[in-house]
C-alpha atoms as a PDB file:
ATOM      1  CA  MET A   1      -5.759 -10.788   8.219  1.00  0.00           C
ATOM      2  CA  ALA A   2      -4.668  -8.900   5.075  1.00  0.00           C
ATOM      3  CA  ARG A   3      -2.514 -11.841   4.023  1.00  0.00           C
ATOM      4  CA  ALA A   4      -5.554 -14.114   4.129  1.00  0.00           C
ATOM      5  CA  TYR A   5      -7.599 -11.731   1.973  1.00  0.00           C
ATOM      6  CA  LEU A   6      -4.864 -11.513  -0.645  1.00  0.00           C
ATOM      7  CA  GLY A   7      -5.099 -15.249  -1.097  1.00  0.00           C
ATOM      8  CA  THR A   8      -8.859 -15.287  -1.719  1.00  0.00           C
ATOM      9  CA  ARG A   9      -9.069 -13.566  -5.115  1.00  0.00           C
ATOM     10  CA  PRO A  10      -7.108 -11.270  -7.427  1.00  0.00           C
ATOM     11  CA  TYR A  11      -7.023  -7.564  -6.635  1.00  0.00           C
ATOM     12  CA  GLU A  12      -6.206  -4.626  -8.882  1.00  0.00           C
ATOM     13  CA  LEU A  13      -5.249  -2.291  -6.032  1.00  0.00           C
ATOM     14  CA  VAL A  14      -4.362  -2.812  -2.390  1.00  0.00           C
ATOM     15  CA  LEU A  15      -4.271  -0.008   0.191  1.00  0.00           C
ATOM     16  CA  ALA A  16      -2.293  -0.980   3.266  1.00  0.00           C
ATOM     17  CA  ASP A  17      -1.711   0.837   6.514  1.00  0.00           C
ATOM     18  CA  GLY A  18       1.966   1.048   7.393  1.00  0.00           C
ATOM     19  CA  ARG A  19       1.559  -0.594  10.783  1.00  0.00           C
ATOM     20  CA  LEU A  20      -0.568  -3.701  11.055  1.00  0.00           C
ATOM     21  CA  GLY A  21      -1.171  -6.077  13.924  1.00  0.00           C
ATOM     22  CA  ASP A  22       0.578  -8.945  12.180  1.00  0.00           C
ATOM     23  CA  GLY A  23       3.238  -7.188  10.116  1.00  0.00           C
ATOM     24  CA  SER A  24       3.710  -4.097   8.019  1.00  0.00           C
ATOM     25  CA  GLY A  25       1.989  -2.507   5.080  1.00  0.00           C
ATOM     26  CA  ILE A  26       5.241  -2.868   3.156  1.00  0.00           C
ATOM     27  CA  GLU A  27       5.023  -6.647   3.565  1.00  0.00           C
ATOM     28  CA  ILE A  28       1.421  -6.621   2.348  1.00  0.00           C
ATOM     29  CA  ALA A  29       2.387  -4.391  -0.576  1.00  0.00           C
ATOM     30  CA  ASP A  30       5.166  -6.840  -1.464  1.00  0.00           C
ATOM     31  CA  LEU A  31       2.647  -9.716  -1.495  1.00  0.00           C
ATOM     32  CA  ALA A  32       0.179  -7.706  -3.566  1.00  0.00           C
ATOM     33  CA  ASP A  33       2.903  -6.800  -6.040  1.00  0.00           C
ATOM     34  CA  ALA A  34       3.931 -10.451  -6.347  1.00  0.00           C
ATOM     35  CA  GLN A  35       0.311 -11.237  -7.282  1.00  0.00           C
ATOM     36  CA  GLY A  36       0.188  -8.510  -9.920  1.00  0.00           C
ATOM     37  CA  ALA A  37      -1.719  -5.882  -7.939  1.00  0.00           C
ATOM     38  CA  LYS A  38      -0.761  -2.256  -7.461  1.00  0.00           C
ATOM     39  CA  ALA A  39      -0.171  -1.273  -3.838  1.00  0.00           C
ATOM     40  CA  LEU A  40      -0.248   1.970  -1.889  1.00  0.00           C
ATOM     41  CA  VAL A  41       0.984   2.186   1.691  1.00  0.00           C
ATOM     42  CA  ILE A  42      -0.537   4.816   3.967  1.00  0.00           C
ATOM     43  CA  THR A  43       1.430   5.525   7.104  1.00  0.00           C
ATOM     44  CA  GLY A  44       2.175   8.018   9.803  1.00  0.00           C
ATOM     45  CA  TYR A  45       5.354   6.143  10.643  1.00  0.00           C
ATOM     46  CA  ALA A  46       7.501   6.356   7.504  1.00  0.00           C
ATOM     47  CA  LEU A  47      10.624   6.746   9.640  1.00  0.00           C
ATOM     48  CA  MET A  48      10.172   3.255  11.077  1.00  0.00           C
ATOM     49  CA  PHE A  49      10.905   1.766   7.630  1.00  0.00           C
ATOM     50  CA  ALA A  50      14.265   1.496   5.946  1.00  0.00           C
ATOM     51  CA  LYS A  51      14.703   3.718   2.896  1.00  0.00           C
ATOM     52  CA  GLU A  52      14.894   0.630   0.665  1.00  0.00           C
ATOM     53  CA  GLU A  53      11.511  -0.554   1.945  1.00  0.00           C
ATOM     54  CA  LEU A  54       9.809   2.785   1.300  1.00  0.00           C
ATOM     55  CA  GLU A  55      11.222   2.981  -2.203  1.00  0.00           C
ATOM     56  CA  ARG A  56       9.619  -0.328  -3.240  1.00  0.00           C
ATOM     57  CA  HIS A  57       6.051   1.028  -3.201  1.00  0.00           C
ATOM     58  CA  PRO A  58       4.321   4.386  -3.382  1.00  0.00           C
ATOM     59  CA  TYR A  59       3.219   5.698  -0.012  1.00  0.00           C
ATOM     60  CA  LEU A  60       1.334   8.594   1.530  1.00  0.00           C
ATOM     61  CA  MET A  61       1.968  10.123   4.916  1.00  0.00           C
ATOM     62  CA  LYS A  62      -0.933  10.532   7.330  1.00  0.00           C
ATOM     63  CA  PRO A  63      -2.983  12.578   7.636  1.00  0.00           C
ATOM     64  CA  VAL A  64      -3.999  12.027   4.029  1.00  0.00           C
ATOM     65  CA  ARG A  65      -6.201  14.507   2.226  1.00  0.00           C
ATOM     66  CA  ALA A  66      -8.983  12.877   0.204  1.00  0.00           C
ATOM     67  CA  VAL A  67      -7.966  14.622  -3.020  1.00  0.00           C
ATOM     68  CA  GLU A  68      -4.395  13.401  -2.568  1.00  0.00           C
ATOM     69  CA  LEU A  69      -5.568   9.818  -2.046  1.00  0.00           C
ATOM     70  CA  VAL A  70      -7.862   9.887  -5.075  1.00  0.00           C
ATOM     71  CA  ASP A  71      -5.126  11.386  -7.271  1.00  0.00           C
ATOM     72  CA  ARG A  72      -2.625   8.728  -6.210  1.00  0.00           C
ATOM     73  CA  ILE A  73      -5.124   5.922  -6.799  1.00  0.00           C
ATOM     74  CA  ARG A  74      -5.974   7.267 -10.248  1.00  0.00           C
ATOM     75  CA  GLY A  75      -2.275   7.388 -11.072  1.00  0.00           C
ATOM     76  CA  LEU A  76      -1.757   3.811  -9.944  1.00  0.00           C
ATOM     77  CA  ILE A  77      -4.654   2.311 -11.854  1.00  0.00           C
ATOM     78  CA  GLY A  78      -4.400   4.563 -14.887  1.00  0.00           C
ATOM     79  CA  ALA A  79      -7.810   6.202 -14.460  1.00  0.00           C
ATOM     80  CA  SER A  80      -8.476   9.797 -15.440  1.00  0.00           C
END
């Protein structure tokens, strides 16, 4: 489903869960990056990814604190 949404319009930021029904958040982050969007992967399963995959995009481990999420988003989009 996320793949279909990425094709509908440009996005500035994409938040993707690490485990999706039809793939991984890393794959979605790769697609978002290819389209010029920033991507953040949120996962409780970081160990299921290869180190090289995790290094391609910023990620947060679940459970995520709201302040941590907001800070990371601000850093990605350059907001203060």
